[in-house]
Amino acid sequence: MIVSIEEICGSFAENKDQAREVRENFIKARLAKKQPITLDFTGVDSSTQSFIHALISAVFQDYGEAALERVQFKGCNKAVQSLITTVINYSLE
């Protein structure tokens, strides 16, 4: 399954409520079934760290490094990729 972050949040991903909805309705639902999910950031120019945190932090805290095998990120520019890496590293500590 591919989830377009741009279609849900627009080109600036900042709404933490939208991030939580994606996390609960898509990411956690897929991981509970041991199925992969791709978060497609194509068209997202920038994001806040709080959005990325709300989107994936609980997932990596709950599933640990195993989530890295099922959650994939696509279409991330350098700024968004940096935020994702920071949140994943923080969440796995």
PDB file of N, CA and C in Angstrom:
ATOM      1  N   MET A   1       0.841  -1.176   0.000  1.00  0.00           N
ATOM      2  CA  MET A   1       0.000   0.000   0.000  1.00  0.00           C
ATOM      3  C   MET A   1       0.887   1.239   0.000  1.00  0.00           C
ATOM      4  N   ILE A   2       0.516   2.213  -0.819  1.00  0.00           N
ATOM      5  CA  ILE A   2       1.222   3.486  -0.883  1.00  0.00           C
ATOM      6  C   ILE A   2       0.276   4.578  -0.397  1.00  0.00           C
ATOM      7  N   VAL A   3       0.746   5.373   0.562  1.00  0.00           N
ATOM      8  CA  VAL A   3      -0.032   6.493   1.088  1.00  0.00           C
ATOM      9  C   VAL A   3       0.647   7.780   0.641  1.00  0.00           C
ATOM     10  N   SER A   4      -0.076   8.604  -0.094  1.00  0.00           N
ATOM     11  CA  SER A   4       0.451   9.886  -0.553  1.00  0.00           C
ATOM     12  C   SER A   4       0.254  10.932   0.543  1.00  0.00           C
ATOM     13  N   ILE A   5       1.351  11.352   1.140  1.00  0.00           N
ATOM     14  CA  ILE A   5       1.288  12.371   2.179  1.00  0.00           C
ATOM     15  C   ILE A   5       0.837  13.704   1.583  1.00  0.00           C
ATOM     16  N   GLU A   6       1.254  14.002   0.377  1.00  0.00           N
ATOM     17  CA  GLU A   6       0.874  15.254  -0.280  1.00  0.00           C
ATOM     18  C   GLU A   6      -0.634  15.323  -0.505  1.00  0.00           C
ATOM     19  N   GLU A   7      -1.267  14.227  -0.877  1.00  0.00           N
ATOM     20  CA  GLU A   7      -2.715  14.219  -1.101  1.00  0.00           C
ATOM     21  C   GLU A   7      -3.475  14.475   0.197  1.00  0.00           C
ATOM     22  N   ILE A   8      -2.927  14.019   1.307  1.00  0.00           N
ATOM     23  CA  ILE A   8      -3.600  14.174   2.598  1.00  0.00           C
ATOM     24  C   ILE A   8      -3.274  15.516   3.240  1.00  0.00           C
ATOM     25  N   CYS A   9      -2.015  15.938   3.144  1.00  0.00           N
ATOM     26  CA  CYS A   9      -1.541  17.094   3.909  1.00  0.00           C
ATOM     27  C   CYS A   9      -1.140  18.297   3.076  1.00  0.00           C
ATOM     28  N   GLY A  10      -1.010  18.143   1.792  1.00  0.00           N
ATOM     29  CA  GLY A  10      -0.550  19.236   0.950  1.00  0.00           C
ATOM     30  C   GLY A  10       0.965  19.295   0.883  1.00  0.00           C
ATOM     31  N   SER A  11       1.491  20.380   0.343  1.00  0.00           N
ATOM     32  CA  SER A  11       2.935  20.476   0.116  1.00  0.00           C
ATOM     33  C   SER A  11       3.722  20.821   1.382  1.00  0.00           C
ATOM     34  N   PHE A  12       3.025  21.266   2.428  1.00  0.00           N
ATOM     35  CA  PHE A  12       3.675  21.543   3.708  1.00  0.00           C
ATOM     36  C   PHE A  12       3.006  20.683   4.772  1.00  0.00           C
ATOM     37  N   ALA A  13       3.676  19.618   5.166  1.00  0.00           N
ATOM     38  CA  ALA A  13       3.120  18.666   6.128  1.00  0.00           C
ATOM     39  C   ALA A  13       3.379  19.173   7.536  1.00  0.00           C
ATOM     40  N   GLU A  14       2.322  19.705   8.164  1.00  0.00           N
ATOM     41  CA  GLU A  14       2.484  20.281   9.495  1.00  0.00           C
ATOM     42  C   GLU A  14       1.391  19.882  10.482  1.00  0.00           C
ATOM     43  N   ASN A  15       0.266  19.401  10.004  1.00  0.00           N
ATOM     44  CA  ASN A  15      -0.875  19.130  10.867  1.00  0.00           C
ATOM     45  C   ASN A  15      -0.695  17.804  11.608  1.00  0.00           C
ATOM     46  N   LYS A  16      -0.461  17.878  12.914  1.00  0.00           N
ATOM     47  CA  LYS A  16      -0.211  16.678  13.718  1.00  0.00           C
ATOM     48  C   LYS A  16      -1.431  15.772  13.791  1.00  0.00           C
ATOM     49  N   ASP A  17      -2.628  16.354  13.711  1.00  0.00           N
ATOM     50  CA  ASP A  17      -3.838  15.526  13.729  1.00  0.00           C
ATOM     51  C   ASP A  17      -3.923  14.659  12.479  1.00  0.00           C
ATOM     52  N   GLN A  18      -3.556  15.228  11.332  1.00  0.00           N
ATOM     53  CA  GLN A  18      -3.524  14.443  10.096  1.00  0.00           C
ATOM     54  C   GLN A  18      -2.456  13.352  10.193  1.00  0.00           C
ATOM     55  N   ALA A  19      -1.311  13.689  10.781  1.00  0.00           N
ATOM     56  CA  ALA A  19      -0.244  12.701  10.944  1.00  0.00           C
ATOM     57  C   ALA A  19      -0.719  11.536  11.804  1.00  0.00           C
ATOM     58  N   ARG A  20      -1.411  11.837  12.894  1.00  0.00           N
ATOM     59  CA  ARG A  20      -1.930  10.777  13.775  1.00  0.00           C
ATOM     60  C   ARG A  20      -2.943   9.903  13.038  1.00  0.00           C
ATOM     61  N   GLU A  21      -3.796  10.524  12.221  1.00  0.00           N
ATOM     62  CA  GLU A  21      -4.781   9.754  11.455  1.00  0.00           C
ATOM     63  C   GLU A  21      -4.090   8.785  10.502  1.00  0.00           C
ATOM     64  N   VAL A  22      -3.060   9.252   9.800  1.00  0.00           N
ATOM     65  CA  VAL A  22      -2.308   8.376   8.898  1.00  0.00           C
ATOM     66  C   VAL A  22      -1.658   7.256   9.695  1.00  0.00           C
ATOM     67  N   ARG A  23      -1.058   7.605  10.824  1.00  0.00           N
ATOM     68  CA  ARG A  23      -0.399   6.593  11.665  1.00  0.00           C
ATOM     69  C   ARG A  23      -1.387   5.523  12.106  1.00  0.00           C
ATOM     70  N   GLU A  24      -2.514   5.933  12.643  1.00  0.00           N
ATOM     71  CA  GLU A  24      -3.483   4.971  13.187  1.00  0.00           C
ATOM     72  C   GLU A  24      -4.239   4.207  12.100  1.00  0.00           C
ATOM     73  N   ASN A  25      -4.691   4.919  11.066  1.00  0.00           N
ATOM     74  CA  ASN A  25      -5.547   4.300  10.050  1.00  0.00           C
ATOM     75  C   ASN A  25      -4.795   3.539   8.972  1.00  0.00           C
ATOM     76  N   PHE A  26      -3.541   3.894   8.749  1.00  0.00           N
ATOM     77  CA  PHE A  26      -2.792   3.244   7.683  1.00  0.00           C
ATOM     78  C   PHE A  26      -1.573   2.490   8.204  1.00  0.00           C
ATOM     79  N   ILE A  27      -0.659   3.200   8.861  1.00  0.00           N
ATOM     80  CA  ILE A  27       0.611   2.571   9.237  1.00  0.00           C
ATOM     81  C   ILE A  27       0.400   1.441  10.245  1.00  0.00           C
ATOM     82  N   LYS A  28      -0.212   1.755  11.378  1.00  0.00           N
ATOM     83  CA  LYS A  28      -0.383   0.729  12.408  1.00  0.00           C
ATOM     84  C   LYS A  28      -1.284  -0.407  11.930  1.00  0.00           C
ATOM     85  N   ALA A  29      -2.296  -0.081  11.139  1.00  0.00           N
ATOM     86  CA  ALA A  29      -3.187  -1.118  10.619  1.00  0.00           C
ATOM     87  C   ALA A  29      -2.427  -2.104   9.739  1.00  0.00           C
ATOM     88  N   ARG A  30      -1.541  -1.593   8.892  1.00  0.00           N
ATOM     89  CA  ARG A  30      -0.747  -2.473   8.019  1.00  0.00           C
ATOM     90  C   ARG A  30       0.259  -3.279   8.822  1.00  0.00           C
ATOM     91  N   LEU A  31       0.928  -2.641   9.761  1.00  0.00           N
ATOM     92  CA  LEU A  31       1.935  -3.356  10.542  1.00  0.00           C
ATOM     93  C   LEU A  31       1.307  -4.431  11.421  1.00  0.00           C
ATOM     94  N   ALA A  32       0.116  -4.185  11.917  1.00  0.00           N
ATOM     95  CA  ALA A  32      -0.573  -5.191  12.723  1.00  0.00           C
ATOM     96  C   ALA A  32      -0.830  -6.466  11.909  1.00  0.00           C
ATOM     97  N   LYS A  33      -0.989  -6.294  10.599  1.00  0.00           N
ATOM     98  CA  LYS A  33      -1.200  -7.436   9.698  1.00  0.00           C
ATOM     99  C   LYS A  33       0.106  -7.927   9.088  1.00  0.00           C
ATOM    100  N   LYS A  34       1.226  -7.341   9.559  1.00  0.00           N
ATOM    101  CA  LYS A  34       2.561  -7.686   9.056  1.00  0.00           C
ATOM    102  C   LYS A  34       2.683  -7.432   7.553  1.00  0.00           C
ATOM    103  N   GLN A  35       2.057  -6.346   7.112  1.00  0.00           N
ATOM    104  CA  GLN A  35       2.089  -5.967   5.705  1.00  0.00           C
ATOM    105  C   GLN A  35       2.900  -4.688   5.537  1.00  0.00           C
ATOM    106  N   PRO A  36       3.552  -4.517   4.387  1.00  0.00           N
ATOM    107  CA  PRO A  36       4.362  -3.315   4.166  1.00  0.00           C
ATOM    108  C   PRO A  36       3.509  -2.100   3.822  1.00  0.00           C
ATOM    109  N   ILE A  37       4.090  -0.941   4.037  1.00  0.00           N
ATOM    110  CA  ILE A  37       3.452   0.319   3.669  1.00  0.00           C
ATOM    111  C   ILE A  37       4.531   1.281   3.192  1.00  0.00           C
ATOM    112  N   THR A  38       4.188   2.053   2.182  1.00  0.00           N
ATOM    113  CA  THR A  38       5.098   3.080   1.671  1.00  0.00           C
ATOM    114  C   THR A  38       4.461   4.438   1.897  1.00  0.00           C
ATOM    115  N   LEU A  39       5.207   5.315   2.558  1.00  0.00           N
ATOM    116  CA  LEU A  39       4.772   6.690   2.756  1.00  0.00           C
ATOM    117  C   LEU A  39       5.432   7.527   1.667  1.00  0.00           C
ATOM    118  N   ASP A  40       4.619   8.008   0.751  1.00  0.00           N
ATOM    119  CA  ASP A  40       5.117   8.736  -0.417  1.00  0.00           C
ATOM    120  C   ASP A  40       5.059  10.240  -0.158  1.00  0.00           C
ATOM    121  N   PHE A  41       6.227  10.857  -0.060  1.00  0.00           N
ATOM    122  CA  PHE A  41       6.337  12.289   0.200  1.00  0.00           C
ATOM    123  C   PHE A  41       6.529  13.099  -1.084  1.00  0.00           C
ATOM    124  N   THR A  42       6.315  12.499  -2.231  1.00  0.00           N
ATOM    125  CA  THR A  42       6.408  13.232  -3.492  1.00  0.00           C
ATOM    126  C   THR A  42       5.444  14.417  -3.446  1.00  0.00           C
ATOM    127  N   GLY A  43       5.941  15.605  -3.762  1.00  0.00           N
ATOM    128  CA  GLY A  43       5.117  16.806  -3.745  1.00  0.00           C
ATOM    129  C   GLY A  43       5.116  17.537  -2.415  1.00  0.00           C
ATOM    130  N   VAL A  44       5.705  16.931  -1.394  1.00  0.00           N
ATOM    131  CA  VAL A  44       5.825  17.594  -0.097  1.00  0.00           C
ATOM    132  C   VAL A  44       7.134  18.369  -0.098  1.00  0.00           C
ATOM    133  N   ASP A  45       7.035  19.686  -0.050  1.00  0.00           N
ATOM    134  CA  ASP A  45       8.222  20.541  -0.091  1.00  0.00           C
ATOM    135  C   ASP A  45       8.925  20.608   1.254  1.00  0.00           C
ATOM    136  N   SER A  46       8.123  20.616   2.325  1.00  0.00           N
ATOM    137  CA  SER A  46       8.704  20.663   3.656  1.00  0.00           C
ATOM    138  C   SER A  46       7.717  20.124   4.685  1.00  0.00           C
ATOM    139  N   SER A  47       8.248  19.904   5.877  1.00  0.00           N
ATOM    140  CA  SER A  47       7.458  19.348   6.962  1.00  0.00           C
ATOM    141  C   SER A  47       8.015  19.870   8.272  1.00  0.00           C
ATOM    142  N   THR A  48       7.196  19.810   9.298  1.00  0.00           N
ATOM    143  CA  THR A  48       7.702  20.119  10.629  1.00  0.00           C
ATOM    144  C   THR A  48       8.157  18.823  11.287  1.00  0.00           C
ATOM    145  N   GLN A  49       9.088  18.954  12.218  1.00  0.00           N
ATOM    146  CA  GLN A  49       9.531  17.766  12.936  1.00  0.00           C
ATOM    147  C   GLN A  49       8.384  17.200  13.769  1.00  0.00           C
ATOM    148  N   SER A  50       7.520  18.054  14.274  1.00  0.00           N
ATOM    149  CA  SER A  50       6.398  17.566  15.075  1.00  0.00           C
ATOM    150  C   SER A  50       5.434  16.729  14.229  1.00  0.00           C
ATOM    151  N   PHE A  51       5.280  17.049  12.947  1.00  0.00           N
ATOM    152  CA  PHE A  51       4.446  16.232  12.063  1.00  0.00           C
ATOM    153  C   PHE A  51       5.068  14.844  11.894  1.00  0.00           C
ATOM    154  N   ILE A  52       6.357  14.806  11.586  1.00  0.00           N
ATOM    155  CA  ILE A  52       7.036  13.519  11.391  1.00  0.00           C
ATOM    156  C   ILE A  52       7.005  12.715  12.688  1.00  0.00           C
ATOM    157  N   HIS A  53       7.206  13.390  13.801  1.00  0.00           N
ATOM    158  CA  HIS A  53       7.159  12.716  15.099  1.00  0.00           C
ATOM    159  C   HIS A  53       5.786  12.086  15.317  1.00  0.00           C
ATOM    160  N   ALA A  54       4.721  12.851  15.090  1.00  0.00           N
ATOM    161  CA  ALA A  54       3.364  12.316  15.257  1.00  0.00           C
ATOM    162  C   ALA A  54       3.078  11.194  14.268  1.00  0.00           C
ATOM    163  N   LEU A  55       3.685  11.260  13.110  1.00  0.00           N
ATOM    164  CA  LEU A  55       3.460  10.264  12.064  1.00  0.00           C
ATOM    165  C   LEU A  55       4.105   8.923  12.375  1.00  0.00           C
ATOM    166  N   ILE A  56       5.367   8.930  12.836  1.00  0.00           N
ATOM    167  CA  ILE A  56       6.090   7.652  12.915  1.00  0.00           C
ATOM    168  C   ILE A  56       6.728   7.309  14.256  1.00  0.00           C
ATOM    169  N   SER A  57       6.849   8.252  15.168  1.00  0.00           N
ATOM    170  CA  SER A  57       7.574   7.967  16.405  1.00  0.00           C
ATOM    171  C   SER A  57       6.975   6.790  17.171  1.00  0.00           C
ATOM    172  N   ALA A  58       5.678   6.804  17.388  1.00  0.00           N
ATOM    173  CA  ALA A  58       5.034   5.722  18.144  1.00  0.00           C
ATOM    174  C   ALA A  58       5.178   4.381  17.435  1.00  0.00           C
ATOM    175  N   VAL A  59       5.210   4.412  16.122  1.00  0.00           N
ATOM    176  CA  VAL A  59       5.372   3.176  15.345  1.00  0.00           C
ATOM    177  C   VAL A  59       6.728   2.542  15.641  1.00  0.00           C
ATOM    178  N   PHE A  60       7.780   3.355  15.611  1.00  0.00           N
ATOM    179  CA  PHE A  60       9.110   2.813  15.851  1.00  0.00           C
ATOM    180  C   PHE A  60       9.340   2.503  17.321  1.00  0.00           C
ATOM    181  N   GLN A  61       8.661   3.203  18.204  1.00  0.00           N
ATOM    182  CA  GLN A  61       8.740   2.858  19.620  1.00  0.00           C
ATOM    183  C   GLN A  61       8.051   1.523  19.883  1.00  0.00           C
ATOM    184  N   ASP A  62       6.914   1.294  19.241  1.00  0.00           N
ATOM    185  CA  ASP A  62       6.157   0.058  19.445  1.00  0.00           C
ATOM    186  C   ASP A  62       6.769  -1.155  18.742  1.00  0.00           C
ATOM    187  N   TYR A  63       7.220  -0.964  17.508  1.00  0.00           N
ATOM    188  CA  TYR A  63       7.691  -2.085  16.692  1.00  0.00           C
ATOM    189  C   TYR A  63       9.211  -2.200  16.621  1.00  0.00           C
ATOM    190  N   GLY A  64       9.911  -1.185  17.096  1.00  0.00           N
ATOM    191  CA  GLY A  64      11.367  -1.212  17.073  1.00  0.00           C
ATOM    192  C   GLY A  64      11.917  -1.264  15.660  1.00  0.00           C
ATOM    193  N   GLU A  65      13.106  -1.830  15.538  1.00  0.00           N
ATOM    194  CA  GLU A  65      13.777  -1.885  14.240  1.00  0.00           C
ATOM    195  C   GLU A  65      13.020  -2.727  13.221  1.00  0.00           C
ATOM    196  N   ALA A  66      12.148  -3.610  13.678  1.00  0.00           N
ATOM    197  CA  ALA A  66      11.350  -4.429  12.756  1.00  0.00           C
ATOM    198  C   ALA A  66      10.487  -3.551  11.837  1.00  0.00           C
ATOM    199  N   ALA A  67      10.127  -2.369  12.317  1.00  0.00           N
ATOM    200  CA  ALA A  67       9.322  -1.459  11.486  1.00  0.00           C
ATOM    201  C   ALA A  67      10.095  -0.992  10.262  1.00  0.00           C
ATOM    202  N   LEU A  68      11.420  -0.964  10.372  1.00  0.00           N
ATOM    203  CA  LEU A  68      12.239  -0.544   9.222  1.00  0.00           C
ATOM    204  C   LEU A  68      12.088  -1.485   8.037  1.00  0.00           C
ATOM    205  N   GLU A  69      11.719  -2.718   8.312  1.00  0.00           N
ATOM    206  CA  GLU A  69      11.534  -3.694   7.231  1.00  0.00           C
ATOM    207  C   GLU A  69      10.208  -3.513   6.507  1.00  0.00           C
ATOM    208  N   ARG A  70       9.227  -2.888   7.153  1.00  0.00           N
ATOM    209  CA  ARG A  70       7.898  -2.781   6.553  1.00  0.00           C
ATOM    210  C   ARG A  70       7.482  -1.362   6.181  1.00  0.00           C
ATOM    211  N   VAL A  71       8.073  -0.358   6.822  1.00  0.00           N
ATOM    212  CA  VAL A  71       7.722   1.027   6.522  1.00  0.00           C
ATOM    213  C   VAL A  71       8.797   1.597   5.596  1.00  0.00           C
ATOM    214  N   GLN A  72       8.360   2.014   4.415  1.00  0.00           N
ATOM    215  CA  GLN A  72       9.289   2.591   3.453  1.00  0.00           C
ATOM    216  C   GLN A  72       8.890   4.039   3.181  1.00  0.00           C
ATOM    217  N   PHE A  73       9.875   4.831   2.820  1.00  0.00           N
ATOM    218  CA  PHE A  73       9.668   6.241   2.531  1.00  0.00           C
ATOM    219  C   PHE A  73      10.098   6.501   1.101  1.00  0.00           C
ATOM    220  N   LYS A  74       9.254   7.221   0.371  1.00  0.00           N
ATOM    221  CA  LYS A  74       9.496   7.460  -1.057  1.00  0.00           C
ATOM    222  C   LYS A  74       9.324   8.950  -1.334  1.00  0.00           C
ATOM    223  N   GLY A  75      10.099   9.466  -2.285  1.00  0.00           N
ATOM    224  CA  GLY A  75       9.915  10.825  -2.765  1.00  0.00           C
ATOM    225  C   GLY A  75      10.286  11.906  -1.769  1.00  0.00           C
ATOM    226  N   CYS A  76      11.146  11.590  -0.824  1.00  0.00           N
ATOM    227  CA  CYS A  76      11.541  12.565   0.199  1.00  0.00           C
ATOM    228  C   CYS A  76      12.668  13.454  -0.306  1.00  0.00           C
ATOM    229  N   ASN A  77      12.511  14.765  -0.130  1.00  0.00           N
ATOM    230  CA  ASN A  77      13.639  15.641  -0.414  1.00  0.00           C
ATOM    231  C   ASN A  77      14.607  15.564   0.777  1.00  0.00           C
ATOM    232  N   LYS A  78      15.730  16.227   0.677  1.00  0.00           N
ATOM    233  CA  LYS A  78      16.767  16.110   1.718  1.00  0.00           C
ATOM    234  C   LYS A  78      16.285  16.587   3.083  1.00  0.00           C
ATOM    235  N   ALA A  79      15.529  17.667   3.115  1.00  0.00           N
ATOM    236  CA  ALA A  79      15.047  18.205   4.392  1.00  0.00           C
ATOM    237  C   ALA A  79      14.088  17.238   5.080  1.00  0.00           C
ATOM    238  N   VAL A  80      13.153  16.684   4.320  1.00  0.00           N
ATOM    239  CA  VAL A  80      12.191  15.732   4.888  1.00  0.00           C
ATOM    240  C   VAL A  80      12.907  14.449   5.305  1.00  0.00           C
ATOM    241  N   GLN A  81      13.825  13.983   4.473  1.00  0.00           N
ATOM    242  CA  GLN A  81      14.582  12.773   4.813  1.00  0.00           C
ATOM    243  C   GLN A  81      15.364  12.965   6.108  1.00  0.00           C
ATOM    244  N   SER A  82      15.937  14.133   6.286  1.00  0.00           N
ATOM    245  CA  SER A  82      16.677  14.422   7.506  1.00  0.00           C
ATOM    246  C   SER A  82      15.774  14.370   8.736  1.00  0.00           C
ATOM    247  N   LEU A  83      14.575  14.922   8.624  1.00  0.00           N
ATOM    248  CA  LEU A  83      13.627  14.866   9.735  1.00  0.00           C
ATOM    249  C   LEU A  83      13.222  13.431  10.047  1.00  0.00           C
ATOM    250  N   ILE A  84      12.970  12.642   9.023  1.00  0.00           N
ATOM    251  CA  ILE A  84      12.585  11.244   9.213  1.00  0.00           C
ATOM    252  C   ILE A  84      13.699  10.492   9.916  1.00  0.00           C
ATOM    253  N   THR A  85      14.920  10.671   9.467  1.00  0.00           N
ATOM    254  CA  THR A  85      16.066   9.993  10.077  1.00  0.00           C
ATOM    255  C   THR A  85      16.219  10.391  11.540  1.00  0.00           C
ATOM    256  N   THR A  86      16.082  11.677  11.826  1.00  0.00           N
ATOM    257  CA  THR A  86      16.192  12.160  13.205  1.00  0.00           C
ATOM    258  C   THR A  86      15.137  11.520  14.101  1.00  0.00           C
ATOM    259  N   VAL A  87      13.892  11.498  13.641  1.00  0.00           N
ATOM    260  CA  VAL A  87      12.807  10.945  14.451  1.00  0.00           C
ATOM    261  C   VAL A  87      12.980   9.432  14.633  1.00  0.00           C
ATOM    262  N   ILE A  88      13.370   8.730  13.602  1.00  0.00           N
ATOM    263  CA  ILE A  88      13.579   7.285  13.731  1.00  0.00           C
ATOM    264  C   ILE A  88      14.696   7.006  14.736  1.00  0.00           C
ATOM    265  N   ASN A  89      15.809   7.698  14.601  1.00  0.00           N
ATOM    266  CA  ASN A  89      16.927   7.482  15.527  1.00  0.00           C
ATOM    267  C   ASN A  89      16.514   7.778  16.967  1.00  0.00           C
ATOM    268  N   TYR A  90      15.806   8.861  17.176  1.00  0.00           N
ATOM    269  CA  TYR A  90      15.332   9.226  18.508  1.00  0.00           C
ATOM    270  C   TYR A  90      14.377   8.169  19.059  1.00  0.00           C
ATOM    271  N   SER A  91      13.472   7.690  18.206  1.00  0.00           N
ATOM    272  CA  SER A  91      12.466   6.733  18.637  1.00  0.00           C
ATOM    273  C   SER A  91      13.032   5.364  18.963  1.00  0.00           C
ATOM    274  N   LEU A  92      14.145   5.017  18.347  1.00  0.00           N
ATOM    275  CA  LEU A  92      14.752   3.699  18.575  1.00  0.00           C
ATOM    276  C   LEU A  92      15.724   3.700  19.751  1.00  0.00           C
ATOM    277  N   GLU A  93      15.993   4.843  20.345  1.00  0.00           N
ATOM    278  CA  GLU A  93      16.929   4.899  21.473  1.00  0.00           C
ATOM    279  C   GLU A  93      16.353   4.238  22.708  1.00  0.00           C
TER     280      GLU A  93
END
